[in-house]
Amino acid sequence: MPKAKTRKSAAKRMGLTSTGKVTMRHSFASHQLTRKSAARKRRQRLPGLLSGSDVRQARRMMPGSG
């Protein structure tokens, strides 16, 4: 069986924590920032956690990372 390859597009956008949760960047945080509140922009700077329903698919795309 050949080695499983990581989907680089997924690896660039997501990461794994040591406990196995999948972290991601928030969407809508890169332009048209004048109309967004300061609190919203502050929250979007922090890494987010992928919802539980998407975790299985994300981990399948990154087989070498856990």
N, C-alpha and C. Protein backbone atom coordinates (compact mmCIF):
# COMPACT_ATOMS: atom_id res chain seq x y z
N MET A 1 0.85 -1.18 0.00
CA MET A 1 0.00 0.00 0.00
C MET A 1 0.89 1.24 0.00
N PRO A 2 0.65 2.21 -0.89
CA PRO A 2 1.50 3.41 -0.93
C PRO A 2 1.25 4.31 0.28
N LYS A 3 2.21 5.16 0.53
CA LYS A 3 2.07 6.10 1.64
C LYS A 3 0.93 7.07 1.34
N ALA A 4 0.20 7.41 2.37
CA ALA A 4 -0.89 8.38 2.22
C ALA A 4 -0.29 9.78 2.14
N LYS A 5 -0.74 10.56 1.17
CA LYS A 5 -0.20 11.90 0.99
C LYS A 5 -1.13 12.94 1.61
N THR A 6 -0.51 13.95 2.21
CA THR A 6 -1.25 15.06 2.79
C THR A 6 -1.75 15.97 1.68
N ARG A 7 -2.98 16.42 1.80
CA ARG A 7 -3.49 17.44 0.87
C ARG A 7 -2.95 18.78 1.33
N LYS A 8 -2.05 19.33 0.54
CA LYS A 8 -1.35 20.54 0.94
C LYS A 8 -2.30 21.72 1.10
N SER A 9 -3.36 21.76 0.32
CA SER A 9 -4.32 22.86 0.46
C SER A 9 -4.96 22.84 1.85
N ALA A 10 -5.20 21.65 2.38
CA ALA A 10 -5.77 21.54 3.72
C ALA A 10 -4.73 21.85 4.79
N ALA A 11 -3.50 21.38 4.57
CA ALA A 11 -2.45 21.59 5.57
C ALA A 11 -2.11 23.07 5.73
N LYS A 12 -2.24 23.84 4.64
CA LYS A 12 -1.95 25.27 4.72
C LYS A 12 -3.03 26.03 5.47
N ARG A 13 -4.24 25.48 5.51
CA ARG A 13 -5.36 26.19 6.12
C ARG A 13 -5.70 25.71 7.52
N MET A 14 -5.28 24.51 7.88
CA MET A 14 -5.67 23.93 9.16
C MET A 14 -4.47 23.35 9.88
N GLY A 15 -4.62 23.17 11.17
CA GLY A 15 -3.58 22.53 11.96
C GLY A 15 -4.22 21.67 13.02
N LEU A 16 -3.43 20.84 13.68
CA LEU A 16 -3.94 19.98 14.73
C LEU A 16 -3.33 20.37 16.07
N THR A 17 -4.15 20.35 17.11
CA THR A 17 -3.64 20.58 18.45
C THR A 17 -3.12 19.26 18.99
N SER A 18 -2.48 19.29 20.14
CA SER A 18 -1.92 18.07 20.71
C SER A 18 -3.02 17.11 21.17
N THR A 19 -4.22 17.65 21.43
CA THR A 19 -5.32 16.78 21.85
C THR A 19 -6.13 16.27 20.67
N GLY A 20 -5.78 16.69 19.44
CA GLY A 20 -6.45 16.16 18.26
C GLY A 20 -7.53 17.06 17.69
N LYS A 21 -7.72 18.24 18.27
CA LYS A 21 -8.70 19.16 17.71
C LYS A 21 -8.10 19.82 16.47
N VAL A 22 -8.94 20.27 15.56
CA VAL A 22 -8.48 20.89 14.32
C VAL A 22 -8.67 22.39 14.41
N THR A 23 -7.58 23.15 14.27
CA THR A 23 -7.66 24.60 14.31
C THR A 23 -7.71 25.15 12.90
N MET A 24 -8.28 26.36 12.77
CA MET A 24 -8.44 26.98 11.46
C MET A 24 -8.42 28.49 11.62
N ARG A 25 -8.25 29.17 10.50
CA ARG A 25 -8.38 30.62 10.50
C ARG A 25 -9.82 30.99 10.23
N HIS A 26 -10.26 32.10 10.79
CA HIS A 26 -11.63 32.55 10.57
C HIS A 26 -11.76 33.16 9.18
N SER A 27 -12.93 33.01 8.60
CA SER A 27 -13.21 33.64 7.32
C SER A 27 -13.68 35.08 7.54
N PHE A 28 -13.75 35.84 6.46
CA PHE A 28 -14.22 37.23 6.47
C PHE A 28 -13.35 38.15 7.32
N ALA A 29 -12.05 37.89 7.39
CA ALA A 29 -11.20 38.70 8.26
C ALA A 29 -10.12 39.45 7.50
N SER A 30 -10.20 39.49 6.17
CA SER A 30 -9.07 40.04 5.44
C SER A 30 -9.32 41.37 4.73
N HIS A 31 -10.56 41.69 4.40
CA HIS A 31 -10.79 42.97 3.73
C HIS A 31 -12.16 43.51 4.11
N GLN A 32 -12.41 44.77 3.74
CA GLN A 32 -13.60 45.52 4.14
C GLN A 32 -13.72 45.55 5.67
N LEU A 33 -12.60 45.89 6.31
CA LEU A 33 -12.57 45.82 7.76
C LEU A 33 -13.17 47.06 8.43
N THR A 34 -13.40 48.13 7.67
CA THR A 34 -13.93 49.34 8.31
C THR A 34 -15.37 49.17 8.76
N ARG A 35 -16.12 48.30 8.10
CA ARG A 35 -17.52 48.13 8.46
C ARG A 35 -17.71 47.09 9.56
N LYS A 36 -16.66 46.39 9.94
CA LYS A 36 -16.78 45.36 10.97
C LYS A 36 -16.38 45.95 12.33
N SER A 37 -17.04 45.49 13.37
CA SER A 37 -16.78 46.03 14.69
C SER A 37 -15.41 45.58 15.19
N ALA A 38 -14.86 46.33 16.12
CA ALA A 38 -13.55 46.00 16.68
C ALA A 38 -13.59 44.66 17.39
N ALA A 39 -14.69 44.38 18.07
CA ALA A 39 -14.81 43.11 18.79
C ALA A 39 -14.82 41.94 17.81
N ARG A 40 -15.51 42.12 16.70
CA ARG A 40 -15.57 41.04 15.69
C ARG A 40 -14.20 40.78 15.09
N LYS A 41 -13.46 41.86 14.79
CA LYS A 41 -12.11 41.70 14.21
C LYS A 41 -11.16 41.08 15.22
N ARG A 42 -11.33 41.41 16.49
CA ARG A 42 -10.48 40.87 17.53
C ARG A 42 -10.72 39.36 17.68
N ARG A 43 -11.97 38.95 17.64
CA ARG A 43 -12.29 37.52 17.73
C ARG A 43 -11.75 36.76 16.53
N GLN A 44 -11.77 37.37 15.36
CA GLN A 44 -11.33 36.68 14.15
C GLN A 44 -9.82 36.55 14.06
N ARG A 45 -9.09 37.31 14.87
CA ARG A 45 -7.63 37.16 14.89
C ARG A 45 -7.21 35.85 15.54
N LEU A 46 -8.00 35.37 16.49
CA LEU A 46 -7.67 34.15 17.20
C LEU A 46 -7.97 32.93 16.33
N PRO A 47 -7.23 31.85 16.51
CA PRO A 47 -7.56 30.64 15.75
C PRO A 47 -8.89 30.06 16.22
N GLY A 48 -9.63 29.52 15.27
CA GLY A 48 -10.91 28.90 15.60
C GLY A 48 -10.77 27.40 15.61
N LEU A 49 -11.77 26.72 16.14
CA LEU A 49 -11.79 25.27 16.12
C LEU A 49 -12.82 24.81 15.10
N LEU A 50 -12.45 23.83 14.33
CA LEU A 50 -13.35 23.28 13.33
C LEU A 50 -14.51 22.57 14.03
N SER A 51 -15.71 22.67 13.48
CA SER A 51 -16.86 22.03 14.09
C SER A 51 -16.71 20.51 14.02
N GLY A 52 -17.35 19.84 14.92
CA GLY A 52 -17.19 18.39 15.05
C GLY A 52 -17.56 17.62 13.80
N SER A 53 -18.53 18.13 13.04
CA SER A 53 -18.96 17.39 11.86
C SER A 53 -17.93 17.43 10.74
N ASP A 54 -17.01 18.41 10.78
CA ASP A 54 -16.00 18.55 9.73
C ASP A 54 -14.66 17.94 10.11
N VAL A 55 -14.47 17.58 11.36
CA VAL A 55 -13.17 17.12 11.84
C VAL A 55 -12.74 15.83 11.14
N ARG A 56 -13.67 14.91 10.97
CA ARG A 56 -13.32 13.63 10.35
C ARG A 56 -12.79 13.83 8.94
N GLN A 57 -13.45 14.69 8.17
CA GLN A 57 -13.02 14.96 6.81
C GLN A 57 -11.66 15.66 6.79
N ALA A 58 -11.45 16.60 7.71
CA ALA A 58 -10.18 17.34 7.75
C ALA A 58 -9.03 16.42 8.12
N ARG A 59 -9.24 15.52 9.06
CA ARG A 59 -8.16 14.60 9.47
C ARG A 59 -7.84 13.61 8.37
N ARG A 60 -8.83 13.27 7.57
CA ARG A 60 -8.59 12.36 6.45
C ARG A 60 -7.72 13.03 5.39
N MET A 61 -7.82 14.34 5.28
CA MET A 61 -7.01 15.06 4.29
C MET A 61 -5.56 15.24 4.76
N MET A 62 -5.34 15.09 6.09
CA MET A 62 -4.00 15.27 6.64
C MET A 62 -3.60 14.00 7.39
N PRO A 63 -3.32 12.90 6.70
CA PRO A 63 -3.10 11.62 7.38
C PRO A 63 -1.82 11.56 8.20
N GLY A 64 -0.79 12.32 7.84
CA GLY A 64 0.47 12.22 8.55
C GLY A 64 0.51 12.97 9.84
N SER A 65 -0.50 13.80 10.12
CA SER A 65 -0.44 14.65 11.29
C SER A 65 -1.27 14.14 12.46
N GLY A 66 -1.49 12.88 12.52
CA GLY A 66 -2.13 12.38 13.71
C GLY A 66 -3.13 11.34 13.40
